[in-house]
Every structure is written in C-alpha cells, then in structure tokens.
Amino acid sequence: MRAIRAASAALLAAAALGLAVVPTALAAGNDGNDGNEQNITSFGFSVTPVTVVPGGTVTLTSDGCEVPSVTVTSGVFDTVTLSEGRSGTATVDLAAKAGARYEITFDCKGERGTTALTVVAPTGAHKGVKAGFGSEAGAVDGGLGTAELVTGALLIAGALGAAVVLIRRRGTAGA
C-alpha cells in the first residue's frame, strides 16, 4: 500500500515537473530584445509592430513632447504628424524591400529620436487551423513533438496513480 502511494506521489511530482519545464523551455528563446534599438531623447516614442510586411500598417506613438505635434518621417511611408500625444498610423509602401531595416525619425521641436522598422516577406495565405491529426492509416504525421507526448503521458500516469490512491483509501475507510 505504501509502495503504491509512493509511486503515485512520484508520478504526480513528475507530471508537475513536466508541466513546469515545457513553458520554461518555450520561454527560454525569448530574451526580451525585439531589435528595436532607440536613441535616448527627452520624449518617448515607439513603432508597433517592429516588423511588418510591405503594405502593412504600423502604429506610431509619442509622449512627453511639450509642443502639440510630433512629426514622424521615414523612407518607407508618408510623413505622419502626431497631434497632442495621440497615436497615428502609417501604411508601409508596397515597394518596401523585404529583409530591409528602415529608420523612423520622430521630431519634437527639433529634437530627433530614431528607431528601426524591419520589413519582412509576406508568408502567404493563412491555411486555417489544423484540426485533428493523422492520415487515413491513422498515423501521427509529426503534429506532436516529444515534449507534448511526454507531458501527456505523465499527466495520464499521474491521473491513474491518483485514482488508485483514492480507490485504496475508499476501500480502507469503509472497512
């Protein structure tokens, strides 16, 4: 009986560890550096997103400029004037070169701040959500990775172990 409880506890611990490791591993690749280096100014400014396809739209924001307007210029879109701290949008030229980084300049009463905007190649049409997996023969076609399979197996084993413990407790409590 103690061996079953110990095994169940070990399985539950392994399942919990598996659930903790997967998100950590996925987040490890994100170092927080989005490649949007800015110079330091007395006012704040940003371009979002920092990567865009030709013909895409970016949002331009600025705050802390004492004059009522900030002028935003770039070789990849028309000049935009941000009035009284409000954000604005700009459409990137369709002729923008994929893979190129373009400088965006924010001008607040002669003080200039710059940041970069990267143009990426369009990825094509979205194909929608992949529902289910397998083929006519029922084989898994690589849709699940090792981490998902191990995590699923640990969760199932943990649930079975917990069920065994509960059934055993119920059996000894009624006797």
N, C-alpha and C. Protein backbone atom coordinates (compact mmCIF):
# COMPACT_ATOMS: atom_id res chain seq x y z
N MET A 1 0.83 -1.19 0.00
CA MET A 1 0.00 0.00 0.00
C MET A 1 0.87 1.25 0.00
N ARG A 2 1.92 1.25 0.83
CA ARG A 2 2.81 2.40 0.87
C ARG A 2 3.57 2.55 -0.44
N ALA A 3 3.89 1.43 -1.06
CA ALA A 3 4.59 1.47 -2.34
C ALA A 3 3.73 2.13 -3.41
N ILE A 4 2.42 1.84 -3.36
CA ILE A 4 1.51 2.44 -4.34
C ILE A 4 1.41 3.94 -4.11
N ARG A 5 1.32 4.35 -2.85
CA ARG A 5 1.25 5.79 -2.54
C ARG A 5 2.53 6.49 -2.97
N ALA A 6 3.67 5.85 -2.70
CA ALA A 6 4.95 6.44 -3.09
C ALA A 6 5.04 6.56 -4.61
N ALA A 7 4.59 5.51 -5.31
CA ALA A 7 4.63 5.55 -6.76
C ALA A 7 3.69 6.62 -7.30
N SER A 8 2.51 6.73 -6.70
CA SER A 8 1.55 7.75 -7.13
C SER A 8 2.10 9.14 -6.89
N ALA A 9 2.71 9.35 -5.74
CA ALA A 9 3.29 10.67 -5.43
C ALA A 9 4.41 10.99 -6.41
N ALA A 10 5.22 9.98 -6.74
CA ALA A 10 6.31 10.20 -7.69
C ALA A 10 5.78 10.55 -9.07
N LEU A 11 4.72 9.88 -9.49
CA LEU A 11 4.12 10.17 -10.80
C LEU A 11 3.52 11.57 -10.83
N LEU A 12 2.85 11.94 -9.76
CA LEU A 12 2.27 13.28 -9.70
C LEU A 12 3.36 14.35 -9.71
N ALA A 13 4.44 14.10 -8.99
CA ALA A 13 5.56 15.05 -8.97
C ALA A 13 6.18 15.16 -10.36
N ALA A 14 6.32 14.02 -11.04
CA ALA A 14 6.90 14.03 -12.39
C ALA A 14 5.99 14.79 -13.35
N ALA A 15 4.68 14.59 -13.21
CA ALA A 15 3.74 15.32 -14.07
C ALA A 15 3.83 16.82 -13.82
N ALA A 16 3.90 17.22 -12.56
CA ALA A 16 4.01 18.65 -12.23
C ALA A 16 5.31 19.22 -12.77
N LEU A 17 6.39 18.46 -12.64
CA LEU A 17 7.68 18.91 -13.16
C LEU A 17 7.62 19.05 -14.68
N GLY A 18 6.98 18.08 -15.34
CA GLY A 18 6.84 18.16 -16.79
C GLY A 18 6.08 19.39 -17.23
N LEU A 19 5.03 19.73 -16.50
CA LEU A 19 4.25 20.92 -16.84
C LEU A 19 5.04 22.19 -16.58
N ALA A 20 5.92 22.17 -15.59
CA ALA A 20 6.72 23.35 -15.29
C ALA A 20 7.85 23.52 -16.28
N VAL A 21 8.41 22.44 -16.82
CA VAL A 21 9.56 22.50 -17.71
C VAL A 21 9.17 22.98 -19.10
N VAL A 22 8.04 22.55 -19.63
CA VAL A 22 7.67 22.88 -21.00
C VAL A 22 7.53 24.38 -21.22
N PRO A 23 6.76 25.14 -20.38
CA PRO A 23 6.67 26.59 -20.61
C PRO A 23 8.01 27.28 -20.44
N THR A 24 8.84 26.80 -19.51
CA THR A 24 10.15 27.40 -19.29
C THR A 24 11.02 27.22 -20.51
N ALA A 25 10.98 26.04 -21.11
CA ALA A 25 11.77 25.79 -22.30
C ALA A 25 11.30 26.64 -23.47
N LEU A 26 10.01 26.83 -23.59
CA LEU A 26 9.49 27.65 -24.67
C LEU A 26 9.87 29.11 -24.48
N ALA A 27 9.88 29.58 -23.24
CA ALA A 27 10.20 30.98 -22.97
C ALA A 27 11.70 31.26 -23.03
N ALA A 28 12.54 30.24 -22.97
CA ALA A 28 13.98 30.44 -22.94
C ALA A 28 14.49 31.13 -24.18
N GLY A 29 13.82 30.95 -25.32
CA GLY A 29 14.27 31.59 -26.55
C GLY A 29 13.95 33.06 -26.61
N ASN A 30 13.15 33.60 -25.71
CA ASN A 30 12.75 35.00 -25.74
C ASN A 30 13.60 35.78 -24.75
N ASP A 31 14.56 36.56 -25.27
CA ASP A 31 15.44 37.33 -24.39
C ASP A 31 14.95 38.74 -24.14
N GLY A 32 13.76 39.09 -24.67
CA GLY A 32 13.21 40.41 -24.43
C GLY A 32 13.75 41.48 -25.36
N ASN A 33 14.71 41.15 -26.22
CA ASN A 33 15.27 42.12 -27.13
C ASN A 33 14.55 41.99 -28.46
N ASP A 34 13.74 42.98 -28.79
CA ASP A 34 12.97 42.90 -30.02
C ASP A 34 13.69 43.53 -31.21
N GLY A 35 14.94 43.93 -31.03
CA GLY A 35 15.70 44.51 -32.13
C GLY A 35 15.32 45.95 -32.42
N ASN A 36 14.54 46.59 -31.57
CA ASN A 36 14.08 47.95 -31.80
C ASN A 36 14.92 48.91 -30.96
N GLU A 37 16.20 49.10 -31.36
CA GLU A 37 17.09 49.97 -30.60
C GLU A 37 16.66 51.42 -30.81
N GLN A 38 16.66 52.20 -29.73
CA GLN A 38 16.28 53.60 -29.82
C GLN A 38 17.39 54.44 -29.18
N ASN A 39 17.52 55.65 -29.68
CA ASN A 39 18.41 56.57 -29.00
C ASN A 39 17.63 57.29 -27.90
N ILE A 40 18.32 57.89 -26.96
CA ILE A 40 17.67 58.49 -25.79
C ILE A 40 17.31 59.95 -26.10
N THR A 41 16.04 60.29 -25.81
CA THR A 41 15.55 61.64 -26.02
C THR A 41 14.78 62.08 -24.78
N SER A 42 14.39 63.35 -24.75
CA SER A 42 13.60 63.86 -23.62
C SER A 42 12.13 63.48 -23.76
N PHE A 43 11.76 62.89 -24.89
CA PHE A 43 10.38 62.46 -25.10
C PHE A 43 10.39 60.98 -25.50
N GLY A 44 9.27 60.33 -25.30
CA GLY A 44 9.18 58.92 -25.65
C GLY A 44 8.54 58.72 -27.01
N PHE A 45 8.90 57.62 -27.66
CA PHE A 45 8.32 57.31 -28.96
C PHE A 45 8.44 55.82 -29.24
N SER A 46 7.54 55.31 -30.10
CA SER A 46 7.61 53.90 -30.46
C SER A 46 6.89 53.64 -31.77
N VAL A 47 7.27 52.50 -32.38
CA VAL A 47 6.64 52.00 -33.59
C VAL A 47 6.22 50.57 -33.28
N THR A 48 4.94 50.22 -33.49
CA THR A 48 4.49 48.86 -33.29
C THR A 48 3.65 48.43 -34.47
N PRO A 49 3.83 47.23 -34.96
CA PRO A 49 4.87 46.28 -34.59
C PRO A 49 6.22 46.71 -35.16
N VAL A 50 7.29 46.08 -34.72
CA VAL A 50 8.63 46.44 -35.19
C VAL A 50 9.00 45.69 -36.45
N THR A 51 8.20 44.70 -36.82
CA THR A 51 8.36 44.02 -38.11
C THR A 51 7.01 44.06 -38.82
N VAL A 52 7.05 44.29 -40.12
CA VAL A 52 5.81 44.44 -40.88
C VAL A 52 6.05 43.99 -42.32
N VAL A 53 5.00 43.55 -42.99
CA VAL A 53 5.09 43.18 -44.40
C VAL A 53 4.84 44.42 -45.25
N PRO A 54 5.33 44.42 -46.49
CA PRO A 54 5.02 45.55 -47.37
C PRO A 54 3.51 45.73 -47.49
N GLY A 55 3.04 46.96 -47.36
CA GLY A 55 1.61 47.25 -47.40
C GLY A 55 0.95 47.15 -46.04
N GLY A 56 1.70 46.72 -45.02
CA GLY A 56 1.14 46.60 -43.67
C GLY A 56 1.05 47.95 -42.98
N THR A 57 0.38 47.97 -41.84
CA THR A 57 0.16 49.20 -41.09
C THR A 57 0.93 49.15 -39.77
N VAL A 58 1.55 50.26 -39.41
CA VAL A 58 2.23 50.39 -38.12
C VAL A 58 1.57 51.51 -37.32
N THR A 59 1.64 51.38 -36.01
CA THR A 59 1.12 52.41 -35.11
C THR A 59 2.30 53.20 -34.57
N LEU A 60 2.20 54.51 -34.64
CA LEU A 60 3.25 55.42 -34.19
C LEU A 60 2.76 56.14 -32.95
N THR A 61 3.56 56.14 -31.89
CA THR A 61 3.17 56.84 -30.66
C THR A 61 4.32 57.70 -30.17
N SER A 62 3.95 58.76 -29.48
CA SER A 62 4.93 59.66 -28.89
C SER A 62 4.30 60.30 -27.66
N ASP A 63 5.11 60.47 -26.60
CA ASP A 63 4.61 61.14 -25.41
C ASP A 63 5.73 61.96 -24.77
N GLY A 64 5.34 62.98 -24.06
CA GLY A 64 6.30 63.81 -23.36
C GLY A 64 6.86 64.97 -24.16
N CYS A 65 6.39 65.19 -25.38
CA CYS A 65 6.84 66.32 -26.17
C CYS A 65 5.99 67.53 -25.77
N GLU A 66 6.64 68.65 -25.46
CA GLU A 66 5.93 69.83 -24.97
C GLU A 66 5.16 70.58 -26.05
N VAL A 67 5.56 70.40 -27.32
CA VAL A 67 4.82 71.05 -28.40
C VAL A 67 3.64 70.16 -28.77
N PRO A 68 2.60 70.75 -29.35
CA PRO A 68 1.40 69.94 -29.60
C PRO A 68 1.55 68.88 -30.69
N SER A 69 2.63 68.90 -31.47
CA SER A 69 2.73 67.89 -32.52
C SER A 69 4.15 67.35 -32.66
N VAL A 70 4.21 66.08 -33.09
CA VAL A 70 5.48 65.41 -33.38
C VAL A 70 5.39 64.94 -34.82
N THR A 71 6.45 65.21 -35.59
CA THR A 71 6.48 64.79 -36.99
C THR A 71 7.28 63.50 -37.10
N VAL A 72 6.69 62.50 -37.79
CA VAL A 72 7.33 61.21 -37.96
C VAL A 72 7.60 61.02 -39.45
N THR A 73 8.88 60.77 -39.78
CA THR A 73 9.26 60.60 -41.18
C THR A 73 10.02 59.28 -41.36
N SER A 74 9.95 58.77 -42.59
CA SER A 74 10.66 57.56 -42.95
C SER A 74 10.68 57.44 -44.46
N GLY A 75 11.61 56.68 -44.98
CA GLY A 75 11.66 56.44 -46.42
C GLY A 75 10.71 55.34 -46.84
N VAL A 76 9.98 54.76 -45.89
CA VAL A 76 9.12 53.62 -46.20
C VAL A 76 7.63 53.93 -46.08
N PHE A 77 7.29 55.14 -45.57
CA PHE A 77 5.90 55.59 -45.54
C PHE A 77 5.85 57.11 -45.58
N ASP A 78 4.66 57.64 -45.85
CA ASP A 78 4.48 59.10 -45.92
C ASP A 78 4.64 59.71 -44.53
N THR A 79 4.99 61.00 -44.49
CA THR A 79 5.14 61.73 -43.23
C THR A 79 3.82 61.75 -42.46
N VAL A 80 3.94 61.51 -41.14
CA VAL A 80 2.76 61.48 -40.27
C VAL A 80 2.99 62.52 -39.17
N THR A 81 1.94 63.28 -38.83
CA THR A 81 2.01 64.23 -37.74
C THR A 81 1.14 63.72 -36.60
N LEU A 82 1.77 63.54 -35.44
CA LEU A 82 1.05 63.10 -34.25
C LEU A 82 0.67 64.35 -33.46
N SER A 83 -0.61 64.57 -33.26
CA SER A 83 -1.08 65.77 -32.58
C SER A 83 -1.45 65.50 -31.13
N GLU A 84 -0.95 66.35 -30.24
CA GLU A 84 -1.31 66.38 -28.83
C GLU A 84 -1.25 65.01 -28.15
N GLY A 85 -0.19 64.26 -28.42
CA GLY A 85 0.02 62.98 -27.75
C GLY A 85 -0.80 61.83 -28.28
N ARG A 86 -1.59 62.06 -29.32
CA ARG A 86 -2.39 60.97 -29.89
C ARG A 86 -1.51 60.11 -30.80
N SER A 87 -1.81 58.83 -30.87
CA SER A 87 -1.06 57.96 -31.76
C SER A 87 -1.59 58.12 -33.18
N GLY A 88 -0.82 57.63 -34.11
CA GLY A 88 -1.22 57.67 -35.51
C GLY A 88 -0.80 56.38 -36.19
N THR A 89 -1.25 56.21 -37.42
CA THR A 89 -0.88 55.02 -38.16
C THR A 89 -0.25 55.42 -39.48
N ALA A 90 0.54 54.51 -40.03
CA ALA A 90 1.16 54.71 -41.33
C ALA A 90 1.13 53.38 -42.07
N THR A 91 0.92 53.45 -43.38
CA THR A 91 0.93 52.26 -44.21
C THR A 91 2.28 52.17 -44.92
N VAL A 92 2.93 51.03 -44.73
CA VAL A 92 4.24 50.81 -45.33
C VAL A 92 4.06 50.63 -46.84
N ASP A 93 4.98 51.25 -47.60
CA ASP A 93 4.91 51.16 -49.06
C ASP A 93 4.94 49.71 -49.53
N LEU A 94 4.16 49.44 -50.57
CA LEU A 94 4.16 48.08 -51.15
C LEU A 94 5.52 47.74 -51.76
N ALA A 95 6.28 48.76 -52.15
CA ALA A 95 7.58 48.55 -52.76
C ALA A 95 8.70 48.38 -51.72
N ALA A 96 8.36 48.36 -50.44
CA ALA A 96 9.39 48.21 -49.40
C ALA A 96 10.08 46.86 -49.58
N LYS A 97 11.39 46.86 -49.42
CA LYS A 97 12.19 45.65 -49.65
C LYS A 97 12.15 44.73 -48.43
N ALA A 98 11.71 43.49 -48.64
CA ALA A 98 11.67 42.51 -47.55
C ALA A 98 13.09 42.23 -47.07
N GLY A 99 13.26 42.19 -45.77
CA GLY A 99 14.56 41.95 -45.16
C GLY A 99 15.32 43.23 -44.83
N ALA A 100 14.81 44.36 -45.27
CA ALA A 100 15.48 45.64 -45.03
C ALA A 100 14.99 46.26 -43.73
N ARG A 101 15.90 47.04 -43.09
CA ARG A 101 15.55 47.81 -41.90
C ARG A 101 15.50 49.28 -42.30
N TYR A 102 14.40 49.92 -41.97
CA TYR A 102 14.22 51.33 -42.31
C TYR A 102 14.24 52.17 -41.05
N GLU A 103 14.86 53.34 -41.14
CA GLU A 103 14.94 54.24 -39.99
C GLU A 103 13.67 55.09 -39.93
N ILE A 104 13.11 55.19 -38.73
CA ILE A 104 11.94 56.02 -38.47
C ILE A 104 12.41 57.16 -37.57
N THR A 105 12.12 58.40 -37.95
CA THR A 105 12.57 59.55 -37.18
C THR A 105 11.36 60.29 -36.60
N PHE A 106 11.42 60.52 -35.29
CA PHE A 106 10.41 61.30 -34.57
C PHE A 106 11.04 62.65 -34.26
N ASP A 107 10.39 63.74 -34.67
CA ASP A 107 10.93 65.09 -34.46
C ASP A 107 10.01 65.88 -33.53
N CYS A 108 10.56 66.25 -32.35
CA CYS A 108 9.84 67.05 -31.37
C CYS A 108 10.58 68.37 -31.24
N LYS A 109 10.06 69.43 -31.85
CA LYS A 109 10.64 70.78 -31.86
C LYS A 109 12.15 70.78 -32.09
N GLY A 110 12.58 70.00 -33.09
CA GLY A 110 13.99 69.95 -33.48
C GLY A 110 14.79 68.84 -32.82
N GLU A 111 14.30 68.29 -31.74
CA GLU A 111 14.99 67.15 -31.11
C GLU A 111 14.50 65.89 -31.81
N ARG A 112 15.46 65.10 -32.28
CA ARG A 112 15.09 63.93 -33.07
C ARG A 112 15.47 62.63 -32.37
N GLY A 113 14.55 61.69 -32.48
CA GLY A 113 14.79 60.34 -31.99
C GLY A 113 14.52 59.37 -33.12
N THR A 114 15.34 58.32 -33.21
CA THR A 114 15.16 57.36 -34.30
C THR A 114 15.00 55.95 -33.75
N THR A 115 14.31 55.15 -34.52
CA THR A 115 14.15 53.73 -34.23
C THR A 115 14.10 53.01 -35.57
N ALA A 116 14.13 51.69 -35.54
CA ALA A 116 14.15 50.92 -36.78
C ALA A 116 12.85 50.14 -36.97
N LEU A 117 12.51 49.96 -38.22
CA LEU A 117 11.37 49.13 -38.62
C LEU A 117 11.89 48.12 -39.63
N THR A 118 11.65 46.85 -39.38
CA THR A 118 12.11 45.79 -40.28
C THR A 118 10.95 45.31 -41.14
N VAL A 119 11.18 45.26 -42.44
CA VAL A 119 10.17 44.77 -43.37
C VAL A 119 10.48 43.30 -43.64
N VAL A 120 9.46 42.46 -43.51
CA VAL A 120 9.62 41.01 -43.73
C VAL A 120 8.79 40.58 -44.93
N ALA A 121 9.15 39.44 -45.48
CA ALA A 121 8.42 38.91 -46.63
C ALA A 121 7.05 38.40 -46.19
N PRO A 122 6.04 38.59 -47.02
CA PRO A 122 4.73 38.04 -46.68
C PRO A 122 4.81 36.51 -46.62
N THR A 123 4.04 35.93 -45.72
CA THR A 123 4.08 34.47 -45.55
C THR A 123 3.05 33.76 -46.41
N GLY A 124 2.25 34.46 -47.13
CA GLY A 124 1.23 33.83 -47.97
C GLY A 124 -0.10 33.75 -47.25
N ALA A 125 -1.03 33.07 -47.86
CA ALA A 125 -2.38 32.97 -47.29
C ALA A 125 -2.36 32.06 -46.07
N HIS A 126 -3.16 32.42 -45.10
CA HIS A 126 -3.31 31.57 -43.93
C HIS A 126 -4.14 30.36 -44.31
N LYS A 127 -3.72 29.20 -43.85
CA LYS A 127 -4.41 27.97 -44.21
C LYS A 127 -5.44 27.55 -43.19
N GLY A 128 -5.57 28.28 -42.11
CA GLY A 128 -6.55 27.93 -41.09
C GLY A 128 -5.97 27.01 -40.03
N VAL A 129 -6.81 26.59 -39.14
CA VAL A 129 -6.39 25.76 -38.02
C VAL A 129 -6.31 24.31 -38.45
N LYS A 130 -5.27 23.63 -38.01
CA LYS A 130 -5.12 22.21 -38.30
C LYS A 130 -5.94 21.44 -37.27
N ALA A 131 -7.05 20.89 -37.70
CA ALA A 131 -7.94 20.19 -36.78
C ALA A 131 -7.63 18.70 -36.84
N GLY A 132 -7.35 18.12 -35.70
CA GLY A 132 -7.04 16.70 -35.63
C GLY A 132 -5.66 16.42 -36.17
N PHE A 133 -5.30 15.18 -36.19
CA PHE A 133 -4.03 14.79 -36.76
C PHE A 133 -4.11 13.36 -37.22
N GLY A 134 -3.17 12.98 -38.07
CA GLY A 134 -3.16 11.62 -38.57
C GLY A 134 -3.50 11.60 -40.04
N SER A 135 -3.47 10.41 -40.60
CA SER A 135 -3.80 10.23 -42.00
C SER A 135 -4.86 9.16 -42.11
N GLU A 136 -5.12 8.70 -43.32
CA GLU A 136 -6.12 7.66 -43.49
C GLU A 136 -5.74 6.41 -42.71
N ALA A 137 -4.43 6.15 -42.61
CA ALA A 137 -3.97 4.97 -41.88
C ALA A 137 -3.96 5.23 -40.38
N GLY A 138 -4.20 6.48 -39.97
CA GLY A 138 -4.24 6.81 -38.55
C GLY A 138 -2.88 7.10 -37.96
N ALA A 139 -1.87 7.29 -38.79
CA ALA A 139 -0.52 7.55 -38.28
C ALA A 139 -0.38 9.01 -37.92
N VAL A 140 0.38 9.27 -36.87
CA VAL A 140 0.67 10.64 -36.48
C VAL A 140 1.66 11.19 -37.48
N ASP A 141 1.37 12.36 -38.04
CA ASP A 141 2.21 12.92 -39.10
C ASP A 141 3.16 13.99 -38.59
N GLY A 142 3.67 13.84 -37.40
CA GLY A 142 4.62 14.80 -36.87
C GLY A 142 3.97 16.02 -36.26
N GLY A 143 2.67 16.00 -36.03
CA GLY A 143 1.98 17.14 -35.46
C GLY A 143 2.29 17.34 -33.99
N LEU A 144 2.68 16.29 -33.30
CA LEU A 144 3.01 16.40 -31.89
C LEU A 144 4.49 16.18 -31.70
N GLY A 145 5.10 17.01 -30.86
CA GLY A 145 6.51 16.87 -30.57
C GLY A 145 6.73 15.98 -29.36
N THR A 146 7.99 15.72 -29.07
CA THR A 146 8.35 14.87 -27.94
C THR A 146 7.87 15.47 -26.63
N ALA A 147 7.99 16.77 -26.47
CA ALA A 147 7.58 17.41 -25.22
C ALA A 147 6.09 17.22 -24.96
N GLU A 148 5.28 17.35 -26.00
CA GLU A 148 3.84 17.17 -25.83
C GLU A 148 3.49 15.73 -25.47
N LEU A 149 4.15 14.78 -26.15
CA LEU A 149 3.87 13.37 -25.88
C LEU A 149 4.28 12.98 -24.46
N VAL A 150 5.46 13.43 -24.02
CA VAL A 150 5.93 13.11 -22.67
C VAL A 150 5.02 13.75 -21.63
N THR A 151 4.65 14.99 -21.84
CA THR A 151 3.76 15.67 -20.90
C THR A 151 2.42 14.97 -20.82
N GLY A 152 1.86 14.58 -21.95
CA GLY A 152 0.60 13.86 -21.95
C GLY A 152 0.70 12.53 -21.22
N ALA A 153 1.77 11.79 -21.47
CA ALA A 153 1.96 10.51 -20.80
C ALA A 153 2.08 10.69 -19.29
N LEU A 154 2.82 11.72 -18.87
CA LEU A 154 2.96 11.98 -17.43
C LEU A 154 1.63 12.36 -16.80
N LEU A 155 0.85 13.15 -17.49
CA LEU A 155 -0.46 13.53 -16.96
C LEU A 155 -1.39 12.33 -16.82
N ILE A 156 -1.39 11.46 -17.82
CA ILE A 156 -2.22 10.27 -17.76
C ILE A 156 -1.75 9.36 -16.63
N ALA A 157 -0.44 9.15 -16.52
CA ALA A 157 0.09 8.30 -15.46
C ALA A 157 -0.22 8.89 -14.09
N GLY A 158 -0.10 10.18 -13.94
CA GLY A 158 -0.41 10.83 -12.67
C GLY A 158 -1.88 10.69 -12.31
N ALA A 159 -2.76 10.84 -13.30
CA ALA A 159 -4.19 10.69 -13.04
C ALA A 159 -4.53 9.26 -12.64
N LEU A 160 -3.92 8.29 -13.31
CA LEU A 160 -4.15 6.89 -12.95
C LEU A 160 -3.64 6.59 -11.54
N GLY A 161 -2.47 7.12 -11.21
CA GLY A 161 -1.92 6.93 -9.86
C GLY A 161 -2.81 7.54 -8.80
N ALA A 162 -3.32 8.73 -9.06
CA ALA A 162 -4.22 9.37 -8.10
C ALA A 162 -5.51 8.58 -7.95
N ALA A 163 -6.02 8.03 -9.04
CA ALA A 163 -7.23 7.21 -8.97
C ALA A 163 -7.01 5.97 -8.13
N VAL A 164 -5.85 5.34 -8.27
CA VAL A 164 -5.54 4.14 -7.48
C VAL A 164 -5.50 4.49 -6.00
N VAL A 165 -4.85 5.61 -5.67
CA VAL A 165 -4.76 6.02 -4.26
C VAL A 165 -6.15 6.28 -3.71
N LEU A 166 -6.98 6.99 -4.44
CA LEU A 166 -8.33 7.29 -3.95
C LEU A 166 -9.17 6.02 -3.78
N ILE A 167 -9.05 5.09 -4.70
CA ILE A 167 -9.81 3.84 -4.58
C ILE A 167 -9.33 3.05 -3.37
N ARG A 168 -8.04 3.01 -3.14
CA ARG A 168 -7.48 2.29 -1.99
C ARG A 168 -7.95 2.94 -0.69
N ARG A 169 -7.93 4.25 -0.63
CA ARG A 169 -8.38 4.95 0.58
C ARG A 169 -9.86 4.67 0.85
N ARG A 170 -10.65 4.71 -0.19
CA ARG A 170 -12.07 4.46 -0.04
C ARG A 170 -12.32 3.03 0.46
N GLY A 171 -11.52 2.09 -0.01
CA GLY A 171 -11.64 0.69 0.41
C GLY A 171 -11.27 0.49 1.87
N THR A 172 -10.23 1.19 2.36
CA THR A 172 -9.81 1.04 3.77
C THR A 172 -10.70 1.85 4.70
N ALA A 173 -11.29 2.95 4.22
CA ALA A 173 -12.16 3.76 5.07
C ALA A 173 -13.49 3.07 5.34
N GLY A 174 -13.97 2.28 4.40
CA GLY A 174 -15.26 1.60 4.56
C GLY A 174 -15.15 0.32 5.37
N ALA A 175 -13.96 -0.20 5.60
CA ALA A 175 -13.77 -1.46 6.30
C ALA A 175 -13.80 -1.33 7.78
